[in-house]
Protein backbone atom coordinates (compact mmCIF):
# COMPACT_ATOMS: atom_id res chain seq x y z
CA MET A 1 188.15 41.09 21.71
CA ALA A 2 185.81 38.35 20.45
CA ASP A 3 183.43 38.89 23.37
CA TYR A 4 183.25 42.57 22.62
CA ALA A 5 182.27 41.89 18.97
CA ILE A 6 179.48 39.49 19.97
CA PHE A 7 178.06 42.12 22.36
CA TRP A 8 177.66 44.67 19.57
CA LEU A 9 176.09 42.10 17.18
CA VAL A 10 173.41 41.23 19.76
CA MET A 11 172.65 44.86 20.43
CA PHE A 12 172.30 45.58 16.70
CA PHE A 13 169.98 42.72 15.75
CA GLY A 14 167.99 42.99 18.99
CA THR A 15 167.22 46.64 18.37
CA ALA A 16 166.16 45.89 14.79
CA ALA A 17 163.85 43.04 15.86
CA SER A 18 162.25 45.22 18.52
CA SER A 19 161.57 47.94 15.97
CA ASN A 20 159.91 45.46 13.56
CA LEU A 21 157.67 43.94 16.33
CA THR A 22 156.51 47.41 17.38
CA ALA A 23 155.66 48.27 13.78
CA ASP A 24 153.64 45.01 13.31
CA PHE A 25 151.72 45.54 16.58
CA ASN A 26 150.83 49.16 15.65
CA GLU A 27 149.60 47.96 12.25
CA TYR A 28 147.31 45.22 13.87
CA THR A 29 145.84 47.48 16.56
CA THR A 30 143.89 49.84 14.29
CA GLU A 31 141.09 51.96 15.62
CA ASP A 32 138.49 49.32 14.69
CA SER A 33 140.40 46.39 16.15
CA LEU A 34 140.30 45.09 19.72
CA PRO A 35 142.21 47.18 22.26
CA SER A 36 145.60 46.19 23.58
CA ILE A 37 145.63 43.97 26.65
CA PRO A 38 145.29 46.23 29.73
CA ASN A 39 146.26 45.53 33.28
CA VAL A 40 144.10 42.96 35.03
CA SER A 41 143.20 45.56 37.61
CA ASP A 42 141.47 47.72 34.96
CA ILE A 43 138.67 45.15 34.49
CA PHE A 44 135.99 45.00 37.17
CA LYS A 45 137.71 47.83 39.04
CA LYS A 46 135.61 50.23 41.09
CA CYS A 47 134.27 53.27 39.27
CA GLN A 48 131.99 56.27 39.55
CA THR A 49 131.38 57.10 35.89
CA ASN A 50 131.92 55.44 32.53
CA ASN A 51 135.02 57.57 32.07
CA ASP A 52 136.65 55.62 34.89
CA CYS A 53 136.43 52.45 32.78
CA THR A 54 139.28 52.52 30.30
CA ILE A 55 138.58 49.20 28.60
CA LYS A 56 136.92 49.53 25.18
CA ASN A 57 133.23 48.45 25.23
CA SER A 58 133.11 48.60 29.03
CA GLU A 59 130.95 50.78 31.27
CA CYS A 60 130.41 51.58 34.93
CA THR A 61 127.63 49.44 36.40
CA ASN A 62 126.90 49.34 40.13
CA GLU A 63 130.20 51.12 40.79
CA GLN A 64 132.16 48.46 38.96
CA CYS A 65 133.60 48.39 35.46
CA ARG A 66 131.86 45.72 33.39
CA CYS A 67 131.53 44.81 29.71
CA LYS A 68 128.62 46.41 27.89
CA GLN A 69 125.56 44.40 26.83
CA TYR A 70 126.38 41.86 24.08
CA TYR A 71 130.07 41.91 25.06
CA PHE A 72 131.94 39.60 27.39
CA GLU A 73 135.34 39.49 29.09
CA LEU A 74 138.04 37.48 27.35
CA ASN A 75 141.75 37.83 28.05
CA ASN A 76 141.13 41.05 30.00
CA GLN A 77 139.22 42.60 27.09
CA CYS A 78 135.52 43.17 26.33
CA VAL A 79 135.00 41.28 23.07
CA PRO A 80 131.93 41.09 20.78
CA GLY A 81 129.46 38.44 21.86
CA LEU A 82 126.10 37.40 20.42
CA GLY A 83 124.08 40.46 19.47
CA ALA A 84 127.08 42.79 19.33
CA ASP A 85 127.95 44.88 16.28
CA CYS A 86 130.41 43.25 13.90
CA SER A 87 132.14 43.85 10.59
CA LYS A 88 134.92 42.47 8.45
CA THR A 89 137.43 43.86 10.90
CA ILE A 90 135.48 43.36 14.13
CA LYS A 91 135.18 39.61 14.54
CA CYS A 92 132.54 37.85 16.64
CA GLN A 93 134.20 36.10 19.56
CA ALA A 94 131.31 33.95 20.83
CA LEU A 95 131.85 30.25 20.24
CA ASN A 96 130.17 28.98 17.02
CA SER A 97 129.05 32.50 16.03
CA THR A 98 129.35 34.53 12.84
CA CYS A 99 128.65 38.06 11.64
CA GLY A 100 125.11 38.04 10.30
CA SER A 101 123.53 39.95 7.43
CA THR A 102 122.44 42.68 9.86
CA THR A 103 126.08 43.16 10.98
CA HIS A 104 125.31 41.67 14.36
CA CYS A 105 126.89 38.55 15.85
CA VAL A 106 124.57 35.55 15.45
CA CYS A 107 124.86 31.78 15.81
CA GLN A 108 126.12 29.79 12.87
CA PRO A 109 123.62 27.54 11.01
CA ARG A 110 122.52 24.48 13.02
CA PHE A 111 123.53 26.23 16.26
CA ILE A 112 121.30 27.96 18.82
CA PHE A 113 121.79 30.78 21.30
CA SER A 114 122.85 29.74 24.79
CA ASN A 115 124.23 32.99 26.19
CA THR A 116 126.36 35.91 25.07
CA THR A 117 129.52 33.81 25.03
CA HIS A 118 128.59 30.78 22.94
CA CYS A 119 126.14 28.92 20.71
CA LEU A 120 125.22 25.27 21.20
CA PRO A 121 124.76 22.72 18.37
CA ILE A 122 121.25 21.58 17.49
CA GLN A 123 120.97 17.90 18.47
CA SER A 124 118.63 15.04 17.64
CA PHE A 125 116.92 12.51 19.89
CA GLY A 126 119.50 10.45 21.79
CA GLN A 127 122.41 12.84 21.23
CA PRO A 128 124.31 14.64 24.04
CA CYS A 129 123.08 18.07 25.15
CA GLU A 130 123.44 20.85 27.69
CA GLU A 131 120.08 22.58 27.30
CA SER A 132 116.62 21.42 26.21
CA GLU A 133 116.53 24.03 23.47
CA GLN A 134 119.18 22.01 21.63
CA CYS A 135 116.81 19.03 21.45
CA SER A 136 113.58 20.80 20.50
CA CYS A 137 111.80 19.19 17.58
CA MET A 138 110.76 22.68 16.50
CA HIS A 139 114.12 22.92 14.75
CA ASP A 140 112.67 20.41 12.26
CA GLU A 141 110.25 21.90 9.75
CA LYS A 142 108.18 18.69 9.81
CA CYS A 143 107.58 18.96 13.54
CA GLN A 144 104.11 20.17 14.48
CA LEU A 145 103.46 20.12 18.19
CA SER A 146 99.92 19.93 19.55
CA ASP A 147 98.31 18.72 22.74
CA THR A 148 98.99 15.17 21.56
CA PHE A 149 102.76 15.66 21.30
CA LYS A 150 105.44 16.83 23.70
CA ASP A 151 108.80 18.34 22.85
CA ILE A 152 112.11 16.56 23.35
CA ILE A 153 114.04 17.72 26.42
CA CYS A 154 117.60 17.53 27.71
CA TRP A 155 117.50 14.87 30.42
CA ASN A 156 120.70 13.75 32.15
CA LYS A 157 122.81 15.39 29.43
CA GLN A 158 120.98 13.54 26.63
CA CYS A 159 118.09 14.48 24.34
CA LYS A 160 115.21 12.36 25.61
CA CYS A 161 111.47 12.33 26.22
CA GLN A 162 110.08 13.22 29.60
CA PRO A 163 109.01 10.34 31.88
CA ASN A 164 106.05 8.20 30.66
CA HIS A 165 106.66 9.36 27.09
CA HIS A 166 108.55 7.87 24.16
CA TYR A 167 109.96 9.12 20.88
CA ALA A 168 107.73 8.79 17.79
CA PHE A 169 110.11 8.69 14.83
CA ARG A 170 107.47 9.51 12.22
CA ARG A 171 106.48 12.62 14.16
CA ASN A 172 109.95 13.61 15.43
CA ALA A 173 108.33 14.34 18.77
CA CYS A 174 107.48 12.67 22.06
CA VAL A 175 104.10 11.06 22.78
CA HIS A 176 102.56 9.65 25.93
CA SER A 177 103.22 5.92 26.37
CA SER A 178 100.01 3.95 26.93
CA GLY A 179 99.72 0.32 28.00
CA ILE A 180 97.26 -2.38 26.96
CA GLY A 181 93.72 -1.14 27.59
CA GLU A 182 94.87 2.38 28.43
CA GLN A 183 93.68 5.61 26.83
CA CYS A 184 95.13 6.66 23.46
CA SER A 185 94.36 9.09 20.66
CA ILE A 186 96.80 7.95 17.96
CA ASP A 187 98.61 4.70 17.14
CA GLU A 188 101.90 6.23 18.28
CA ASN A 189 100.62 6.23 21.88
CA CYS A 190 100.69 2.43 21.70
CA GLU A 191 103.78 1.82 19.55
CA LYS A 192 106.05 1.19 22.53
CA LEU A 193 104.01 -2.03 22.74
CA LEU A 194 105.08 -4.14 19.79
CA PHE A 195 102.09 -5.32 17.65
CA ALA A 196 99.65 -2.84 19.31
CA GLU A 197 97.40 -0.13 17.87
CA CYS A 198 94.92 2.49 19.03
CA TYR A 199 91.35 1.25 18.56
CA GLU A 200 88.34 3.15 19.90
CA ASN A 201 90.70 5.25 22.05
CA LYS A 202 92.21 2.18 23.73
CA CYS A 203 95.54 0.45 23.12
CA VAL A 204 94.77 -3.07 21.91
CA CYS A 205 96.72 -5.85 20.23
CA LYS A 206 96.51 -6.00 16.46
CA PRO A 207 94.53 -8.83 14.80
CA ASN A 208 96.23 -12.25 15.22
CA TYR A 209 98.06 -11.05 18.35
CA PHE A 210 96.95 -11.33 21.97
CA ALA A 211 97.66 -9.58 25.28
CA SER A 212 99.74 -11.41 27.86
CA GLU A 213 101.88 -10.06 30.71
CA GLY A 214 101.34 -6.49 29.52
CA LYS A 215 102.60 -7.28 26.00
CA CYS A 216 101.13 -8.23 22.64
CA LYS A 217 102.31 -11.70 21.66
CA ILE A 218 102.22 -13.52 18.33
CA GLY A 219 99.02 -15.55 18.02
CA LEU A 220 97.42 -17.96 15.59
CA ASN A 221 97.30 -16.86 11.93
CA ALA A 222 100.03 -14.25 12.50
CA ASN A 223 102.94 -14.19 10.06
CA CYS A 224 105.95 -16.29 11.01
CA VAL A 225 109.20 -17.70 9.67
CA THR A 226 110.05 -20.24 12.35
CA THR A 227 107.97 -22.32 14.78
CA GLY A 228 109.78 -20.58 17.63
CA GLN A 229 107.96 -17.37 16.75
CA CYS A 230 104.65 -19.14 17.49
CA SER A 231 105.76 -20.41 20.90
CA ALA A 232 103.42 -18.09 22.82
CA VAL A 233 100.59 -20.46 21.79
CA GLU A 234 100.92 -24.01 23.10
CA HIS A 235 100.74 -26.73 20.40
CA ALA A 236 101.27 -24.16 17.60
CA LYS A 237 103.73 -24.37 14.72
CA CYS A 238 104.76 -22.23 11.76
CA GLU A 239 103.07 -23.63 8.66
CA LYS A 240 103.26 -21.92 5.27
CA GLY A 241 104.25 -18.62 6.87
CA LYS A 242 101.41 -18.61 9.42
CA CYS A 243 101.15 -19.78 13.02
CA LYS A 244 98.77 -22.77 13.03
CA CYS A 245 97.71 -25.47 15.49
CA ALA A 246 99.63 -28.70 15.04
CA GLU A 247 97.56 -31.89 14.55
CA PRO A 248 95.56 -33.24 16.34
CA PHE A 249 94.79 -29.76 17.74
CA VAL A 250 92.47 -27.12 16.33
CA GLU A 251 92.11 -23.38 16.81
CA ARG A 252 89.84 -22.25 19.62
CA SER A 253 90.98 -18.60 19.68
CA VAL A 254 93.95 -16.50 18.66
CA GLU A 255 95.83 -17.79 21.71
CA LEU A 256 94.48 -21.35 22.22
CA CYS A 257 94.79 -24.70 20.45
CA VAL A 258 92.46 -27.49 21.71
CA LEU A 259 92.48 -31.26 21.15
CA VAL A 260 90.10 -32.63 18.50
CA SER A 261 87.17 -34.77 19.74
CA SER A 262 85.00 -37.13 17.67
CA PHE A 263 81.19 -37.39 17.70
CA GLY A 264 80.10 -38.63 21.13
CA GLY A 265 83.52 -37.88 22.67
CA GLU A 266 84.14 -35.63 25.66
CA CYS A 267 84.72 -31.95 24.96
CA GLU A 268 85.13 -28.56 26.58
CA TYR A 269 84.80 -26.30 23.56
CA VAL A 270 82.57 -26.66 20.51
CA GLU A 271 85.60 -26.21 18.21
CA GLN A 272 86.80 -29.64 19.36
CA CYS A 273 83.66 -31.14 17.84
CA THR A 274 83.09 -29.10 14.68
CA SER A 275 86.52 -29.89 13.24
CA GLN A 276 85.29 -33.44 12.56
CA THR A 277 81.50 -33.09 12.76
CA SER A 278 79.98 -30.05 11.07
CA ASN A 279 77.33 -28.13 13.04
CA ALA A 280 78.02 -30.24 16.14
CA THR A 281 77.50 -28.99 19.70
CA CYS A 282 79.42 -29.51 22.92
CA GLU A 283 76.78 -30.02 25.59
CA ALA A 284 76.05 -32.16 28.61
CA PRO A 285 73.24 -34.65 27.83
CA THR A 286 71.96 -34.43 31.40
CA ASP A 287 72.56 -32.24 34.44
CA GLY A 288 75.85 -33.05 36.09
CA ALA A 289 77.11 -35.11 33.15
CA LYS A 290 80.27 -34.30 31.22
CA LYS A 291 79.91 -32.40 27.98
CA VAL A 292 80.13 -34.46 24.79
CA CYS A 293 80.11 -33.77 21.06
CA GLY A 294 76.59 -34.23 19.70
CA CYS A 295 73.82 -32.70 17.63
CA GLY A 296 71.50 -30.02 18.93
CA THR A 297 67.74 -30.18 19.37
CA GLY A 298 65.92 -30.71 16.06
CA GLN A 299 69.00 -32.17 14.40
CA HIS A 300 70.35 -35.64 13.74
CA HIS A 301 73.79 -37.08 13.00
CA HIS A 302 74.46 -38.27 9.49
CA ALA A 303 77.82 -39.14 7.92
CA SER A 304 80.19 -36.40 9.22
CA GLY A 305 77.75 -33.73 10.29
CA CYS A 306 74.62 -32.66 12.11
CA PHE A 307 71.63 -31.75 9.94
CA PRO A 308 68.08 -30.46 10.51
CA THR A 309 65.69 -33.37 11.01
CA ARG A 310 63.14 -33.62 8.17
CA THR A 311 60.66 -36.53 8.21
CA LEU A 312 58.91 -38.09 5.21
CA ASP A 313 56.90 -35.65 3.09
CA GLU A 314 58.57 -32.60 4.77
CA ARG A 315 60.47 -29.95 2.82
CA CYS A 316 64.24 -30.51 2.49
CA ASP A 317 67.36 -29.13 0.81
CA SER A 318 69.56 -32.23 0.85
CA ASP A 319 69.36 -35.99 1.36
CA SER A 320 71.19 -35.65 4.68
CA GLU A 321 68.26 -33.72 6.16
CA CYS A 322 65.81 -36.58 5.60
CA PHE A 323 65.67 -38.66 8.76
CA VAL A 324 64.36 -42.24 8.89
CA THR A 325 64.94 -45.03 11.35
CA SER A 326 65.23 -47.46 8.47
CA LYS A 327 68.25 -47.58 6.17
CA TYR A 328 69.68 -44.16 5.24
CA ASP A 329 69.71 -45.10 1.58
CA SER A 330 65.96 -45.77 1.68
CA VAL A 331 65.10 -42.06 1.63
CA ALA A 332 66.03 -39.11 -0.57
CA CYS A 333 65.30 -35.41 -0.98
CA THR A 334 63.45 -35.28 -4.27
CA GLY A 335 61.82 -32.09 -5.47
CA ASN A 336 62.69 -30.54 -2.07
CA LYS A 337 60.65 -33.22 -0.34
CA CYS A 338 61.72 -36.24 1.74
CA VAL A 339 60.36 -39.40 0.06
CA CYS A 340 61.14 -43.11 0.05
CA VAL A 341 63.30 -44.15 -2.87
CA GLU A 342 62.19 -46.62 -5.51
CA GLY A 343 61.75 -50.09 -4.05
CA PHE A 344 60.70 -48.68 -0.68
CA GLU A 345 57.39 -47.46 0.59
CA LYS A 346 56.40 -45.25 3.45
CA VAL A 347 55.43 -47.12 6.58
CA ASN A 348 55.26 -44.06 8.82
CA GLY A 349 56.85 -40.62 9.02
CA THR A 350 60.30 -41.97 9.81
CA PHE A 351 60.39 -45.40 8.17
CA CYS A 352 60.66 -46.60 4.60
CA GLY A 353 60.16 -50.33 4.16
CA SER A 354 60.95 -52.40 1.08
CA ALA A 355 57.92 -53.18 -1.07
CA GLY A 356 58.43 -56.98 -0.75
CA SER A 357 58.66 -56.90 3.02
CA ILE A 358 55.52 -54.78 3.27
CA LEU A 359 53.52 -57.24 1.05
CA GLY A 360 54.79 -60.18 3.10
CA SER A 361 53.76 -58.43 6.30
CA VAL A 362 50.25 -57.80 4.93
CA VAL A 363 49.85 -61.47 3.88
CA LEU A 364 51.13 -62.62 7.26
CA VAL A 365 48.68 -60.38 9.10
CA PHE A 366 45.79 -61.53 6.87
CA PHE A 367 46.68 -65.19 7.45
CA MET A 368 46.86 -64.66 11.22
CA VAL A 369 43.44 -63.00 11.20
CA VAL A 370 41.91 -65.85 9.18
CA VAL A 371 43.39 -68.49 11.46
CA LYS A 372 42.19 -66.68 14.58
CA THR A 373 38.64 -66.40 13.10
CA ALA A 374 38.54 -70.11 12.22
CA ILE A 375 39.46 -71.10 15.73
């Protein structure tokens, strides 16, 4: 008896539920909505005319039922893809799409068309991608491509620059990568080389940097924080925020510190001499001899420098220019003329003798002449 009662309860509620489900389905499948799911055999079946294709938004193409243009097959239906008509009731089915202002299915903002079935996200340099169009800098209003710049491409599933190019952040585009001494048109061509710039259409190192092993390295007078930053130059150290030669070395060039040499000492570069003797030269006194620090032709050494040689009565600009073989303090540049100082008198063009010694010499000569005459 109990089993019989349960049977009738199931039949009653089952029939009611079935009636409600049918009513809900009929309400959802309005004329404007997607058609009910057909048999799998109805899609892509052979046909002669469009009437043979029973699926909504399908047609007979090459004797086979296919979805119309802008529609694609999904769950055995032809659903609206990119470019298809749409409305509040006809929803766009392409991935990342929306119904546009023209009532056609379009990609959502920051997405681009890939094919009828889906839109791809716009990506930036270094982000993952499927197609180069995702990476194009033309999606950025600041991007202005010209012959100088190349667009970003999808390379190995990542937004990158094509070979021999690099990304210029300020331009949001790719530029050709040039090495030291190679052709360039803008600084960005050289920026893959740290501390380089484009000068006269060639990539060169910036001032206070020098080229070595295909790179631009920190040289003398470049900014620094630690001595280690100056290590590309031997005998350099960081002093007051600049790379400088450590004593007893002096700067020869942006990349070379040389040992100081005194007057008369051996040298290889003139900078070794001029650090202690102004206007000095580094020359070999004779053929085959080693070069030494000295004064050039027409100059003489005085105190800590080399000066033009001016003899007595010649024009001068300083006392150091006046050259005499007598004591240095016996001559002076007075009124722009080399003259013997007070207490000295000119003996010849390069000698000032004291007045007393000159008188004594005259008396001695006179006495010798008298004696010789008497004999």
